[in-house]
Amino acid sequence: QIYGAITPDAARAGLELFAEHTDDARANPGKHPNVDRLLQLVEEGRTLRVKHVFFA
């Protein structure tokens, strides 16, 4: 983990990784839900915290 949360900067980095799907996601909302989430975080300037839960 580089960012510790999905910050707008982390979301931008994720969009770079999924660059081939980003334009398609913008044109077809819902087709790429993970990319949609990253776009939303960037557009709204929000951070998504994720907590890992491990089971034994």
C-alpha atoms as a PDB file:
ATOM      1  CA  GLN A   1       0.000   0.000   0.000  1.00  0.00           C
ATOM      2  CA  ILE A   2       1.337   3.345  -0.992  1.00  0.00           C
ATOM      3  CA  TYR A   3      -1.434   5.671   0.123  1.00  0.00           C
ATOM      4  CA  GLY A   4      -3.096   3.945   3.122  1.00  0.00           C
ATOM      5  CA  ALA A   5      -6.501   4.955   1.751  1.00  0.00           C
ATOM      6  CA  ILE A   6      -7.993   5.713  -1.623  1.00  0.00           C
ATOM      7  CA  THR A   7      -7.353   9.449  -1.715  1.00  0.00           C
ATOM      8  CA  PRO A   8      -7.989  11.579  -4.785  1.00  0.00           C
ATOM      9  CA  ASP A   9      -4.271  11.183  -5.633  1.00  0.00           C
ATOM     10  CA  ALA A  10      -4.491   7.409  -5.220  1.00  0.00           C
ATOM     11  CA  ALA A  11      -7.634   7.378  -7.366  1.00  0.00           C
ATOM     12  CA  ARG A  12      -5.803   9.312 -10.106  1.00  0.00           C
ATOM     13  CA  ALA A  13      -3.003   6.724  -9.967  1.00  0.00           C
ATOM     14  CA  GLY A  14      -5.609   3.964 -10.257  1.00  0.00           C
ATOM     15  CA  LEU A  15      -7.158   5.669 -13.269  1.00  0.00           C
ATOM     16  CA  GLU A  16      -3.725   5.709 -14.896  1.00  0.00           C
ATOM     17  CA  LEU A  17      -3.494   1.945 -14.342  1.00  0.00           C
ATOM     18  CA  PHE A  18      -6.947   1.452 -15.886  1.00  0.00           C
ATOM     19  CA  ALA A  19      -6.394   4.083 -18.594  1.00  0.00           C
ATOM     20  CA  GLU A  20      -7.722   1.861 -21.381  1.00  0.00           C
ATOM     21  CA  HIS A  21     -11.095   1.660 -19.571  1.00  0.00           C
ATOM     22  CA  THR A  22     -11.411   5.230 -18.273  1.00  0.00           C
ATOM     23  CA  ASP A  23     -12.892   6.819 -21.417  1.00  0.00           C
ATOM     24  CA  ASP A  24     -15.275   3.881 -21.841  1.00  0.00           C
ATOM     25  CA  ALA A  25     -16.342   4.210 -18.197  1.00  0.00           C
ATOM     26  CA  ARG A  26     -17.076   7.912 -18.686  1.00  0.00           C
ATOM     27  CA  ALA A  27     -19.137   7.156 -21.811  1.00  0.00           C
ATOM     28  CA  ASN A  28     -20.942   4.172 -20.247  1.00  0.00           C
ATOM     29  CA  PRO A  29     -21.585   4.706 -16.518  1.00  0.00           C
ATOM     30  CA  GLY A  30     -21.985   1.402 -14.691  1.00  0.00           C
ATOM     31  CA  LYS A  31     -20.006  -0.640 -17.219  1.00  0.00           C
ATOM     32  CA  HIS A  32     -16.802  -0.381 -15.154  1.00  0.00           C
ATOM     33  CA  PRO A  33     -17.940   0.085 -11.526  1.00  0.00           C
ATOM     34  CA  ASN A  34     -14.438   0.161 -10.048  1.00  0.00           C
ATOM     35  CA  VAL A  35     -13.365   2.869 -12.477  1.00  0.00           C
ATOM     36  CA  ASP A  36     -16.639   4.713 -11.774  1.00  0.00           C
ATOM     37  CA  ARG A  37     -15.745   4.758  -8.079  1.00  0.00           C
ATOM     38  CA  LEU A  38     -12.268   6.150  -8.783  1.00  0.00           C
ATOM     39  CA  LEU A  39     -13.724   8.839 -11.039  1.00  0.00           C
ATOM     40  CA  GLN A  40     -16.202   9.789  -8.323  1.00  0.00           C
ATOM     41  CA  LEU A  41     -13.470  10.090  -5.687  1.00  0.00           C
ATOM     42  CA  VAL A  42     -11.411  12.362  -7.947  1.00  0.00           C
ATOM     43  CA  GLU A  43     -14.379  14.512  -9.000  1.00  0.00           C
ATOM     44  CA  GLU A  44     -15.653  14.955  -5.435  1.00  0.00           C
ATOM     45  CA  GLY A  45     -12.204  15.240  -3.823  1.00  0.00           C
ATOM     46  CA  ARG A  46     -13.142  12.545  -1.316  1.00  0.00           C
ATOM     47  CA  THR A  47     -11.133   9.809   0.405  1.00  0.00           C
ATOM     48  CA  LEU A  48     -12.268   6.226   0.858  1.00  0.00           C
ATOM     49  CA  ARG A  49     -10.831   4.445   3.867  1.00  0.00           C
ATOM     50  CA  VAL A  50     -10.628   0.682   3.738  1.00  0.00           C
ATOM     51  CA  LYS A  51     -10.158  -1.565   6.738  1.00  0.00           C
ATOM     52  CA  HIS A  52      -8.657  -5.004   6.268  1.00  0.00           C
ATOM     53  CA  VAL A  53     -10.290  -7.708   8.357  1.00  0.00           C
ATOM     54  CA  PHE A  54      -8.410 -10.976   8.687  1.00  0.00           C
ATOM     55  CA  PHE A  55      -9.996 -14.217   9.819  1.00  0.00           C
ATOM     56  CA  ALA A  56      -8.054 -17.103  11.297  1.00  0.00           C
END
